[in-house]
Amino acid sequence: MNPQIIEEGRQNAIISYITLIGTVIAIISNTEKKNPYASFHIRQALGLNMLFFAIAVVVSYFDNWMISSAFYVFFAVLWFFGLTNAFQCEHEPIPIVGDFFQKLFKSL
């Protein structure tokens, strides 16, 4: 990918990983230019946020700190991986679920 395209979309890519509100802000600010680098990271962050909330509903029914801890550690690692890729201007999908998010949200 062109370094100029990456630099133009880097800010939106980083913002997209900062909570669900940051993802919505990044989606709105990326609608005009449709930067491919920002779109890639927006799809990753949106998928990660939606998967977090979907699995959190199931995990909340368990009254076990080990399950809850494993859940939060798993998503913290995935979130950290995506955020560091955005900071380092890399174009790698999040492990395990990243390619699925790219296919699922390809219209963004």
PDB file of N, CA and C in Angstrom:
ATOM      1  N   MET A   1       0.845  -1.172   0.000  1.00  0.00           N
ATOM      2  CA  MET A   1       0.000   0.000   0.000  1.00  0.00           C
ATOM      3  C   MET A   1       0.893   1.239   0.000  1.00  0.00           C
ATOM      4  N   ASN A   2       0.442   2.267  -0.666  1.00  0.00           N
ATOM      5  CA  ASN A   2       1.164   3.516  -0.824  1.00  0.00           C
ATOM      6  C   ASN A   2       1.357   4.202   0.534  1.00  0.00           C
ATOM      7  N   PRO A   3       2.585   4.644   0.870  1.00  0.00           N
ATOM      8  CA  PRO A   3       2.815   5.315   2.163  1.00  0.00           C
ATOM      9  C   PRO A   3       1.976   6.581   2.345  1.00  0.00           C
ATOM     10  N   GLN A   4       1.669   7.268   1.273  1.00  0.00           N
ATOM     11  CA  GLN A   4       0.844   8.482   1.375  1.00  0.00           C
ATOM     12  C   GLN A   4      -0.587   8.123   1.787  1.00  0.00           C
ATOM     13  N   ILE A   5      -1.125   7.046   1.240  1.00  0.00           N
ATOM     14  CA  ILE A   5      -2.473   6.599   1.600  1.00  0.00           C
ATOM     15  C   ILE A   5      -2.500   6.175   3.072  1.00  0.00           C
ATOM     16  N   ILE A   6      -1.457   5.484   3.508  1.00  0.00           N
ATOM     17  CA  ILE A   6      -1.385   5.048   4.903  1.00  0.00           C
ATOM     18  C   ILE A   6      -1.338   6.250   5.837  1.00  0.00           C
ATOM     19  N   GLU A   7      -0.522   7.248   5.493  1.00  0.00           N
ATOM     20  CA  GLU A   7      -0.399   8.421   6.353  1.00  0.00           C
ATOM     21  C   GLU A   7      -1.697   9.227   6.414  1.00  0.00           C
ATOM     22  N   GLU A   8      -2.424   9.293   5.311  1.00  0.00           N
ATOM     23  CA  GLU A   8      -3.701  10.016   5.298  1.00  0.00           C
ATOM     24  C   GLU A   8      -4.758   9.310   6.151  1.00  0.00           C
ATOM     25  N   GLY A   9      -4.743   7.992   6.188  1.00  0.00           N
ATOM     26  CA  GLY A   9      -5.750   7.247   6.924  1.00  0.00           C
ATOM     27  C   GLY A   9      -5.333   6.811   8.309  1.00  0.00           C
ATOM     28  N   ARG A  10      -4.107   7.129   8.697  1.00  0.00           N
ATOM     29  CA  ARG A  10      -3.581   6.650   9.975  1.00  0.00           C
ATOM     30  C   ARG A  10      -4.375   7.176  11.169  1.00  0.00           C
ATOM     31  N   GLN A  11      -4.757   8.444  11.139  1.00  0.00           N
ATOM     32  CA  GLN A  11      -5.486   9.031  12.259  1.00  0.00           C
ATOM     33  C   GLN A  11      -6.833   8.332  12.457  1.00  0.00           C
ATOM     34  N   ASN A  12      -7.572   8.113  11.386  1.00  0.00           N
ATOM     35  CA  ASN A  12      -8.852   7.412  11.501  1.00  0.00           C
ATOM     36  C   ASN A  12      -8.656   5.964  11.948  1.00  0.00           C
ATOM     37  N   ALA A  13      -7.575   5.350  11.512  1.00  0.00           N
ATOM     38  CA  ALA A  13      -7.301   3.971  11.913  1.00  0.00           C
ATOM     39  C   ALA A  13      -7.076   3.880  13.412  1.00  0.00           C
ATOM     40  N   ILE A  14      -6.338   4.815  13.970  1.00  0.00           N
ATOM     41  CA  ILE A  14      -6.063   4.817  15.408  1.00  0.00           C
ATOM     42  C   ILE A  14      -7.333   5.140  16.192  1.00  0.00           C
ATOM     43  N   ILE A  15      -8.082   6.122  15.732  1.00  0.00           N
ATOM     44  CA  ILE A  15      -9.318   6.518  16.418  1.00  0.00           C
ATOM     45  C   ILE A  15     -10.316   5.366  16.447  1.00  0.00           C
ATOM     46  N   SER A  16     -10.336   4.552  15.421  1.00  0.00           N
ATOM     47  CA  SER A  16     -11.331   3.484  15.340  1.00  0.00           C
ATOM     48  C   SER A  16     -11.193   2.456  16.465  1.00  0.00           C
ATOM     49  N   TYR A  17     -10.013   2.315  17.042  1.00  0.00           N
ATOM     50  CA  TYR A  17      -9.819   1.326  18.109  1.00  0.00           C
ATOM     51  C   TYR A  17     -10.167   1.873  19.490  1.00  0.00           C
ATOM     52  N   ILE A  18     -10.491   3.150  19.591  1.00  0.00           N
ATOM     53  CA  ILE A  18     -10.787   3.749  20.889  1.00  0.00           C
ATOM     54  C   ILE A  18     -12.295   3.677  21.122  1.00  0.00           C
ATOM     55  N   THR A  19     -12.744   2.628  21.717  1.00  0.00           N
ATOM     56  CA  THR A  19     -14.139   2.316  22.063  1.00  0.00           C
ATOM     57  C   THR A  19     -15.043   2.302  20.830  1.00  0.00           C
ATOM     58  N   LEU A  20     -16.276   1.988  21.051  1.00  0.00           N
ATOM     59  CA  LEU A  20     -17.260   1.944  19.971  1.00  0.00           C
ATOM     60  C   LEU A  20     -17.551   3.346  19.443  1.00  0.00           C
ATOM     61  N   ILE A  21     -17.489   4.333  20.299  1.00  0.00           N
ATOM     62  CA  ILE A  21     -17.712   5.719  19.873  1.00  0.00           C
ATOM     63  C   ILE A  21     -16.613   6.147  18.909  1.00  0.00           C
ATOM     64  N   GLY A  22     -15.378   5.771  19.187  1.00  0.00           N
ATOM     65  CA  GLY A  22     -14.271   6.081  18.284  1.00  0.00           C
ATOM     66  C   GLY A  22     -14.446   5.417  16.929  1.00  0.00           C
ATOM     67  N   THR A  23     -14.989   4.210  16.930  1.00  0.00           N
ATOM     68  CA  THR A  23     -15.244   3.515  15.670  1.00  0.00           C
ATOM     69  C   THR A  23     -16.298   4.253  14.851  1.00  0.00           C
ATOM     70  N   VAL A  24     -17.341   4.713  15.510  1.00  0.00           N
ATOM     71  CA  VAL A  24     -18.396   5.462  14.816  1.00  0.00           C
ATOM     72  C   VAL A  24     -17.846   6.776  14.274  1.00  0.00           C
ATOM     73  N   ILE A  25     -17.029   7.460  15.044  1.00  0.00           N
ATOM     74  CA  ILE A  25     -16.415   8.712  14.586  1.00  0.00           C
ATOM     75  C   ILE A  25     -15.523   8.444  13.377  1.00  0.00           C
ATOM     76  N   ALA A  26     -14.749   7.371  13.415  1.00  0.00           N
ATOM     77  CA  ALA A  26     -13.868   7.036  12.292  1.00  0.00           C
ATOM     78  C   ALA A  26     -14.673   6.681  11.043  1.00  0.00           C
ATOM     79  N   ILE A  27     -15.792   5.983  11.219  1.00  0.00           N
ATOM     80  CA  ILE A  27     -16.638   5.646  10.073  1.00  0.00           C
ATOM     81  C   ILE A  27     -17.183   6.915   9.432  1.00  0.00           C
ATOM     82  N   ILE A  28     -17.670   7.827  10.247  1.00  0.00           N
ATOM     83  CA  ILE A  28     -18.239   9.072   9.725  1.00  0.00           C
ATOM     84  C   ILE A  28     -17.182   9.921   9.036  1.00  0.00           C
ATOM     85  N   SER A  29     -16.000  10.023   9.629  1.00  0.00           N
ATOM     86  CA  SER A  29     -14.957  10.853   9.018  1.00  0.00           C
ATOM     87  C   SER A  29     -14.316  10.195   7.800  1.00  0.00           C
ATOM     88  N   ASN A  30     -14.518   8.903   7.618  1.00  0.00           N
ATOM     89  CA  ASN A  30     -13.941   8.217   6.463  1.00  0.00           C
ATOM     90  C   ASN A  30     -14.935   8.100   5.303  1.00  0.00           C
ATOM     91  N   THR A  31     -16.146   8.597   5.456  1.00  0.00           N
ATOM     92  CA  THR A  31     -17.149   8.441   4.397  1.00  0.00           C
ATOM     93  C   THR A  31     -16.840   9.286   3.164  1.00  0.00           C
ATOM     94  N   GLU A  32     -16.199  10.418   3.335  1.00  0.00           N
ATOM     95  CA  GLU A  32     -15.909  11.282   2.190  1.00  0.00           C
ATOM     96  C   GLU A  32     -14.806  10.716   1.302  1.00  0.00           C
ATOM     97  N   LYS A  33     -13.637  10.459   1.887  1.00  0.00           N
ATOM     98  CA  LYS A  33     -12.481  10.045   1.093  1.00  0.00           C
ATOM     99  C   LYS A  33     -12.395   8.550   0.846  1.00  0.00           C
ATOM    100  N   LYS A  34     -12.940   7.740   1.737  1.00  0.00           N
ATOM    101  CA  LYS A  34     -12.847   6.272   1.641  1.00  0.00           C
ATOM    102  C   LYS A  34     -11.397   5.818   1.515  1.00  0.00           C
ATOM    103  N   ASN A  35     -10.596   6.183   2.501  1.00  0.00           N
ATOM    104  CA  ASN A  35      -9.209   5.761   2.537  1.00  0.00           C
ATOM    105  C   ASN A  35      -9.156   4.254   2.797  1.00  0.00           C
ATOM    106  N   PRO A  36      -8.488   3.462   1.937  1.00  0.00           N
ATOM    107  CA  PRO A  36      -8.476   2.006   2.101  1.00  0.00           C
ATOM    108  C   PRO A  36      -7.778   1.539   3.384  1.00  0.00           C
ATOM    109  N   TYR A  37      -6.747   2.246   3.807  1.00  0.00           N
ATOM    110  CA  TYR A  37      -6.054   1.877   5.040  1.00  0.00           C
ATOM    111  C   TYR A  37      -6.949   2.102   6.252  1.00  0.00           C
ATOM    112  N   ALA A  38      -7.601   3.248   6.303  1.00  0.00           N
ATOM    113  CA  ALA A  38      -8.522   3.534   7.409  1.00  0.00           C
ATOM    114  C   ALA A  38      -9.700   2.576   7.371  1.00  0.00           C
ATOM    115  N   SER A  39     -10.216   2.284   6.194  1.00  0.00           N
ATOM    116  CA  SER A  39     -11.346   1.358   6.079  1.00  0.00           C
ATOM    117  C   SER A  39     -10.975  -0.025   6.601  1.00  0.00           C
ATOM    118  N   PHE A  40      -9.767  -0.463   6.309  1.00  0.00           N
ATOM    119  CA  PHE A  40      -9.299  -1.763   6.804  1.00  0.00           C
ATOM    120  C   PHE A  40      -9.354  -1.813   8.330  1.00  0.00           C
ATOM    121  N   HIS A  41      -8.790  -0.798   8.974  1.00  0.00           N
ATOM    122  CA  HIS A  41      -8.750  -0.796  10.432  1.00  0.00           C
ATOM    123  C   HIS A  41     -10.122  -0.522  11.043  1.00  0.00           C
ATOM    124  N   ILE A  42     -10.955   0.230  10.375  1.00  0.00           N
ATOM    125  CA  ILE A  42     -12.317   0.456  10.864  1.00  0.00           C
ATOM    126  C   ILE A  42     -13.092  -0.854  10.864  1.00  0.00           C
ATOM    127  N   ARG A  43     -12.944  -1.637   9.806  1.00  0.00           N
ATOM    128  CA  ARG A  43     -13.611  -2.945   9.768  1.00  0.00           C
ATOM    129  C   ARG A  43     -13.108  -3.852  10.883  1.00  0.00           C
ATOM    130  N   GLN A  44     -11.809  -3.821  11.141  1.00  0.00           N
ATOM    131  CA  GLN A  44     -11.238  -4.635  12.212  1.00  0.00           C
ATOM    132  C   GLN A  44     -11.787  -4.201  13.579  1.00  0.00           C
ATOM    133  N   ALA A  45     -11.781  -2.902  13.822  1.00  0.00           N
ATOM    134  CA  ALA A  45     -12.236  -2.395  15.120  1.00  0.00           C
ATOM    135  C   ALA A  45     -13.732  -2.602  15.316  1.00  0.00           C
ATOM    136  N   LEU A  46     -14.521  -2.383  14.277  1.00  0.00           N
ATOM    137  CA  LEU A  46     -15.965  -2.586  14.375  1.00  0.00           C
ATOM    138  C   LEU A  46     -16.284  -4.048  14.670  1.00  0.00           C
ATOM    139  N   GLY A  47     -15.633  -4.944  13.974  1.00  0.00           N
ATOM    140  CA  GLY A  47     -15.841  -6.364  14.220  1.00  0.00           C
ATOM    141  C   GLY A  47     -15.414  -6.772  15.612  1.00  0.00           C
ATOM    142  N   LEU A  48     -14.307  -6.232  16.068  1.00  0.00           N
ATOM    143  CA  LEU A  48     -13.823  -6.545  17.406  1.00  0.00           C
ATOM    144  C   LEU A  48     -14.793  -6.043  18.472  1.00  0.00           C
ATOM    145  N   ASN A  49     -15.314  -4.831  18.300  1.00  0.00           N
ATOM    146  CA  ASN A  49     -16.276  -4.288  19.257  1.00  0.00           C
ATOM    147  C   ASN A  49     -17.574  -5.084  19.265  1.00  0.00           C
ATOM    148  N   MET A  50     -18.078  -5.418  18.100  1.00  0.00           N
ATOM    149  CA  MET A  50     -19.333  -6.158  18.036  1.00  0.00           C
ATOM    150  C   MET A  50     -19.172  -7.567  18.607  1.00  0.00           C
ATOM    151  N   LEU A  51     -18.055  -8.218  18.308  1.00  0.00           N
ATOM    152  CA  LEU A  51     -17.809  -9.547  18.856  1.00  0.00           C
ATOM    153  C   LEU A  51     -17.650  -9.496  20.374  1.00  0.00           C
ATOM    154  N   PHE A  52     -17.008  -8.448  20.874  1.00  0.00           N
ATOM    155  CA  PHE A  52     -16.850  -8.284  22.314  1.00  0.00           C
ATOM    156  C   PHE A  52     -18.208  -8.230  22.999  1.00  0.00           C
ATOM    157  N   PHE A  53     -19.106  -7.398  22.493  1.00  0.00           N
ATOM    158  CA  PHE A  53     -20.411  -7.265  23.135  1.00  0.00           C
ATOM    159  C   PHE A  53     -21.261  -8.527  22.977  1.00  0.00           C
ATOM    160  N   ALA A  54     -21.143  -9.203  21.857  1.00  0.00           N
ATOM    161  CA  ALA A  54     -21.913 -10.428  21.645  1.00  0.00           C
ATOM    162  C   ALA A  54     -21.468 -11.529  22.603  1.00  0.00           C
ATOM    163  N   ILE A  55     -20.168 -11.688  22.760  1.00  0.00           N
ATOM    164  CA  ILE A  55     -19.664 -12.728  23.660  1.00  0.00           C
ATOM    165  C   ILE A  55     -19.825 -12.305  25.125  1.00  0.00           C
ATOM    166  N   ALA A  56     -19.783 -11.008  25.393  1.00  0.00           N
ATOM    167  CA  ALA A  56     -19.945 -10.524  26.771  1.00  0.00           C
ATOM    168  C   ALA A  56     -21.309 -10.887  27.332  1.00  0.00           C
ATOM    169  N   VAL A  57     -22.316 -10.923  26.479  1.00  0.00           N
ATOM    170  CA  VAL A  57     -23.651 -11.314  26.931  1.00  0.00           C
ATOM    171  C   VAL A  57     -23.622 -12.753  27.442  1.00  0.00           C
ATOM    172  N   VAL A  58     -22.948 -13.626  26.727  1.00  0.00           N
ATOM    173  CA  VAL A  58     -22.856 -15.028  27.133  1.00  0.00           C
ATOM    174  C   VAL A  58     -21.993 -15.175  28.391  1.00  0.00           C
ATOM    175  N   VAL A  59     -20.859 -14.489  28.416  1.00  0.00           N
ATOM    176  CA  VAL A  59     -19.935 -14.600  29.546  1.00  0.00           C
ATOM    177  C   VAL A  59     -20.560 -14.037  30.819  1.00  0.00           C
ATOM    178  N   SER A  60     -21.433 -13.068  30.685  1.00  0.00           N
ATOM    179  CA  SER A  60     -22.043 -12.465  31.874  1.00  0.00           C
ATOM    180  C   SER A  60     -22.927 -13.444  32.642  1.00  0.00           C
ATOM    181  N   TYR A  61     -23.403 -14.485  31.984  1.00  0.00           N
ATOM    182  CA  TYR A  61     -24.220 -15.484  32.667  1.00  0.00           C
ATOM    183  C   TYR A  61     -23.396 -16.410  33.563  1.00  0.00           C
ATOM    184  N   PHE A  62     -22.106 -16.483  33.310  1.00  0.00           N
ATOM    185  CA  PHE A  62     -21.239 -17.297  34.151  1.00  0.00           C
ATOM    186  C   PHE A  62     -20.787 -16.462  35.344  1.00  0.00           C
ATOM    187  N   ASP A  63     -20.881 -17.017  36.508  1.00  0.00           N
ATOM    188  CA  ASP A  63     -20.432 -16.312  37.707  1.00  0.00           C
ATOM    189  C   ASP A  63     -19.088 -16.888  38.128  1.00  0.00           C
ATOM    190  N   ASN A  64     -18.111 -16.727  37.231  1.00  0.00           N
ATOM    191  CA  ASN A  64     -16.805 -17.318  37.456  1.00  0.00           C
ATOM    192  C   ASN A  64     -15.746 -16.311  37.040  1.00  0.00           C
ATOM    193  N   TRP A  65     -14.853 -15.968  37.943  1.00  0.00           N
ATOM    194  CA  TRP A  65     -13.836 -14.970  37.638  1.00  0.00           C
ATOM    195  C   TRP A  65     -12.817 -15.474  36.631  1.00  0.00           C
ATOM    196  N   MET A  66     -12.609 -16.792  36.553  1.00  0.00           N
ATOM    197  CA  MET A  66     -11.641 -17.332  35.587  1.00  0.00           C
ATOM    198  C   MET A  66     -12.143 -17.160  34.157  1.00  0.00           C
ATOM    199  N   ILE A  67     -13.416 -17.391  33.946  1.00  0.00           N
ATOM    200  CA  ILE A  67     -13.992 -17.218  32.608  1.00  0.00           C
ATOM    201  C   ILE A  67     -13.979 -15.752  32.223  1.00  0.00           C
ATOM    202  N   SER A  68     -14.375 -14.903  33.139  1.00  0.00           N
ATOM    203  CA  SER A  68     -14.395 -13.465  32.863  1.00  0.00           C
ATOM    204  C   SER A  68     -12.990 -12.935  32.595  1.00  0.00           C
ATOM    205  N   SER A  69     -12.036 -13.367  33.381  1.00  0.00           N
ATOM    206  CA  SER A  69     -10.654 -12.915  33.197  1.00  0.00           C
ATOM    207  C   SER A  69     -10.104 -13.362  31.852  1.00  0.00           C
ATOM    208  N   ALA A  70     -10.342 -14.610  31.496  1.00  0.00           N
ATOM    209  CA  ALA A  70      -9.869 -15.111  30.204  1.00  0.00           C
ATOM    210  C   ALA A  70     -10.503 -14.340  29.052  1.00  0.00           C
ATOM    211  N   PHE A  71     -11.777 -14.025  29.192  1.00  0.00           N
ATOM    212  CA  PHE A  71     -12.495 -13.254  28.171  1.00  0.00           C
ATOM    213  C   PHE A  71     -11.861 -11.876  27.988  1.00  0.00           C
ATOM    214  N   TYR A  72     -11.632 -11.170  29.089  1.00  0.00           N
ATOM    215  CA  TYR A  72     -11.060  -9.825  28.999  1.00  0.00           C
ATOM    216  C   TYR A  72      -9.612  -9.845  28.510  1.00  0.00           C
ATOM    217  N   VAL A  73      -8.845 -10.819  28.926  1.00  0.00           N
ATOM    218  CA  VAL A  73      -7.458 -10.916  28.462  1.00  0.00           C
ATOM    219  C   VAL A  73      -7.417 -11.202  26.970  1.00  0.00           C
ATOM    220  N   PHE A  74      -8.272 -12.106  26.504  1.00  0.00           N
ATOM    221  CA  PHE A  74      -8.331 -12.432  25.081  1.00  0.00           C
ATOM    222  C   PHE A  74      -8.633 -11.192  24.240  1.00  0.00           C
ATOM    223  N   PHE A  75      -9.635 -10.428  24.635  1.00  0.00           N
ATOM    224  CA  PHE A  75      -9.990  -9.238  23.855  1.00  0.00           C
ATOM    225  C   PHE A  75      -8.983  -8.112  24.028  1.00  0.00           C
ATOM    226  N   ALA A  76      -8.334  -8.026  25.174  1.00  0.00           N
ATOM    227  CA  ALA A  76      -7.295  -7.014  25.358  1.00  0.00           C
ATOM    228  C   ALA A  76      -6.114  -7.284  24.434  1.00  0.00           C
ATOM    229  N   VAL A  77      -5.758  -8.545  24.259  1.00  0.00           N
ATOM    230  CA  VAL A  77      -4.654  -8.900  23.357  1.00  0.00           C
ATOM    231  C   VAL A  77      -5.024  -8.579  21.909  1.00  0.00           C
ATOM    232  N   LEU A  78      -6.242  -8.932  21.506  1.00  0.00           N
ATOM    233  CA  LEU A  78      -6.670  -8.622  20.137  1.00  0.00           C
ATOM    234  C   LEU A  78      -6.741  -7.119  19.903  1.00  0.00           C
ATOM    235  N   TRP A  79      -7.276  -6.382  20.865  1.00  0.00           N
ATOM    236  CA  TRP A  79      -7.376  -4.930  20.738  1.00  0.00           C
ATOM    237  C   TRP A  79      -5.983  -4.311  20.660  1.00  0.00           C
ATOM    238  N   PHE A  80      -5.067  -4.764  21.507  1.00  0.00           N
ATOM    239  CA  PHE A  80      -3.702  -4.244  21.515  1.00  0.00           C
ATOM    240  C   PHE A  80      -3.003  -4.541  20.190  1.00  0.00           C
ATOM    241  N   PHE A  81      -3.228  -5.724  19.648  1.00  0.00           N
ATOM    242  CA  PHE A  81      -2.632  -6.088  18.363  1.00  0.00           C
ATOM    243  C   PHE A  81      -3.113  -5.140  17.261  1.00  0.00           C
ATOM    244  N   GLY A  82      -4.414  -4.904  17.210  1.00  0.00           N
ATOM    245  CA  GLY A  82      -4.961  -4.010  16.193  1.00  0.00           C
ATOM    246  C   GLY A  82      -4.480  -2.586  16.355  1.00  0.00           C
ATOM    247  N   LEU A  83      -4.453  -2.096  17.586  1.00  0.00           N
ATOM    248  CA  LEU A  83      -4.017  -0.718  17.838  1.00  0.00           C
ATOM    249  C   LEU A  83      -2.547  -0.526  17.493  1.00  0.00           C
ATOM    250  N   THR A  84      -1.697  -1.484  17.859  1.00  0.00           N
ATOM    251  CA  THR A  84      -0.275  -1.350  17.518  1.00  0.00           C
ATOM    252  C   THR A  84      -0.059  -1.423  16.009  1.00  0.00           C
ATOM    253  N   ASN A  85      -0.853  -2.228  15.315  1.00  0.00           N
ATOM    254  CA  ASN A  85      -0.753  -2.241  13.854  1.00  0.00           C
ATOM    255  C   ASN A  85      -1.129  -0.890  13.269  1.00  0.00           C
ATOM    256  N   ALA A  86      -2.146  -0.248  13.814  1.00  0.00           N
ATOM    257  CA  ALA A  86      -2.544   1.071  13.329  1.00  0.00           C
ATOM    258  C   ALA A  86      -1.455   2.102  13.619  1.00  0.00           C
ATOM    259  N   PHE A  87      -0.844   2.044  14.798  1.00  0.00           N
ATOM    260  CA  PHE A  87       0.233   2.979  15.137  1.00  0.00           C
ATOM    261  C   PHE A  87       1.462   2.761  14.271  1.00  0.00           C
ATOM    262  N   GLN A  88       1.774   1.513  13.956  1.00  0.00           N
ATOM    263  CA  GLN A  88       2.980   1.193  13.202  1.00  0.00           C
ATOM    264  C   GLN A  88       2.749   1.174  11.698  1.00  0.00           C
ATOM    265  N   CYS A  89       1.590   1.605  11.258  1.00  0.00           N
ATOM    266  CA  CYS A  89       1.239   1.688   9.837  1.00  0.00           C
ATOM    267  C   CYS A  89       1.317   0.327   9.145  1.00  0.00           C
ATOM    268  N   GLU A  90       0.893  -0.715   9.844  1.00  0.00           N
ATOM    269  CA  GLU A  90       0.879  -2.049   9.261  1.00  0.00           C
ATOM    270  C   GLU A  90      -0.525  -2.405   8.800  1.00  0.00           C
ATOM    271  N   HIS A  91      -0.591  -3.324   7.887  1.00  0.00           N
ATOM    272  CA  HIS A  91      -1.856  -3.703   7.249  1.00  0.00           C
ATOM    273  C   HIS A  91      -2.102  -5.193   7.456  1.00  0.00           C
ATOM    274  N   GLU A  92      -2.082  -5.645   8.720  1.00  0.00           N
ATOM    275  CA  GLU A  92      -2.271  -7.060   9.043  1.00  0.00           C
ATOM    276  C   GLU A  92      -3.603  -7.250   9.760  1.00  0.00           C
ATOM    277  N   PRO A  93      -4.346  -8.276   9.400  1.00  0.00           N
ATOM    278  CA  PRO A  93      -5.607  -8.525  10.116  1.00  0.00           C
ATOM    279  C   PRO A  93      -5.366  -9.053  11.522  1.00  0.00           C
ATOM    280  N   ILE A  94      -6.334  -8.835  12.372  1.00  0.00           N
ATOM    281  CA  ILE A  94      -6.283  -9.340  13.741  1.00  0.00           C
ATOM    282  C   ILE A  94      -6.283 -10.868  13.679  1.00  0.00           C
ATOM    283  N   PRO A  95      -5.466 -11.530  14.502  1.00  0.00           N
ATOM    284  CA  PRO A  95      -5.439 -12.999  14.464  1.00  0.00           C
ATOM    285  C   PRO A  95      -6.809 -13.614  14.756  1.00  0.00           C
ATOM    286  N   ILE A  96      -7.051 -14.728  14.184  1.00  0.00           N
ATOM    287  CA  ILE A  96      -8.230 -15.576  14.349  1.00  0.00           C
ATOM    288  C   ILE A  96      -9.456 -15.015  13.644  1.00  0.00           C
ATOM    289  N   VAL A  97      -9.816 -13.759  13.879  1.00  0.00           N
ATOM    290  CA  VAL A  97     -11.092 -13.227  13.392  1.00  0.00           C
ATOM    291  C   VAL A  97     -10.957 -12.098  12.366  1.00  0.00           C
ATOM    292  N   GLY A  98      -9.766 -11.607  12.124  1.00  0.00           N
ATOM    293  CA  GLY A  98      -9.570 -10.447  11.261  1.00  0.00           C
ATOM    294  C   GLY A  98     -10.032 -10.627   9.827  1.00  0.00           C
ATOM    295  N   ASP A  99      -9.734 -11.766   9.240  1.00  0.00           N
ATOM    296  CA  ASP A  99     -10.159 -12.012   7.857  1.00  0.00           C
ATOM    297  C   ASP A  99     -11.680 -12.105   7.749  1.00  0.00           C
ATOM    298  N   PHE A 100     -12.304 -12.671   8.763  1.00  0.00           N
ATOM    299  CA  PHE A 100     -13.765 -12.746   8.785  1.00  0.00           C
ATOM    300  C   PHE A 100     -14.371 -11.350   8.846  1.00  0.00           C
ATOM    301  N   PHE A 101     -13.791 -10.456   9.637  1.00  0.00           N
ATOM    302  CA  PHE A 101     -14.296  -9.090   9.735  1.00  0.00           C
ATOM    303  C   PHE A 101     -14.157  -8.349   8.408  1.00  0.00           C
ATOM    304  N   GLN A 102     -13.080  -8.620   7.680  1.00  0.00           N
ATOM    305  CA  GLN A 102     -12.894  -7.963   6.381  1.00  0.00           C
ATOM    306  C   GLN A 102     -13.971  -8.382   5.399  1.00  0.00           C
ATOM    307  N   LYS A 103     -14.351  -9.649   5.420  1.00  0.00           N
ATOM    308  CA  LYS A 103     -15.401 -10.134   4.531  1.00  0.00           C
ATOM    309  C   LYS A 103     -16.772  -9.653   4.974  1.00  0.00           C
ATOM    310  N   LEU A 104     -17.017  -9.665   6.270  1.00  0.00           N
ATOM    311  CA  LEU A 104     -18.334  -9.305   6.810  1.00  0.00           C
ATOM    312  C   LEU A 104     -18.660  -7.830   6.587  1.00  0.00           C
ATOM    313  N   PHE A 105     -17.678  -6.957   6.769  1.00  0.00           N
ATOM    314  CA  PHE A 105     -17.896  -5.507   6.670  1.00  0.00           C
ATOM    315  C   PHE A 105     -17.249  -4.919   5.420  1.00  0.00           C
ATOM    316  N   LYS A 106     -17.232  -5.634   4.332  1.00  0.00           N
ATOM    317  CA  LYS A 106     -16.552  -5.159   3.128  1.00  0.00           C
ATOM    318  C   LYS A 106     -17.199  -3.908   2.527  1.00  0.00           C
ATOM    319  N   SER A 107     -18.423  -3.599   2.889  1.00  0.00           N
ATOM    320  CA  SER A 107     -19.080  -2.415   2.329  1.00  0.00           C
ATOM    321  C   SER A 107     -18.665  -1.123   3.013  1.00  0.00           C
ATOM    322  N   LEU A 108     -17.948  -1.199   4.137  1.00  0.00           N
ATOM    323  CA  LEU A 108     -17.519   0.028   4.832  1.00  0.00           C
ATOM    324  C   LEU A 108     -16.321   0.642   4.170  1.00  0.00           C
TER     325      LEU A 108
END
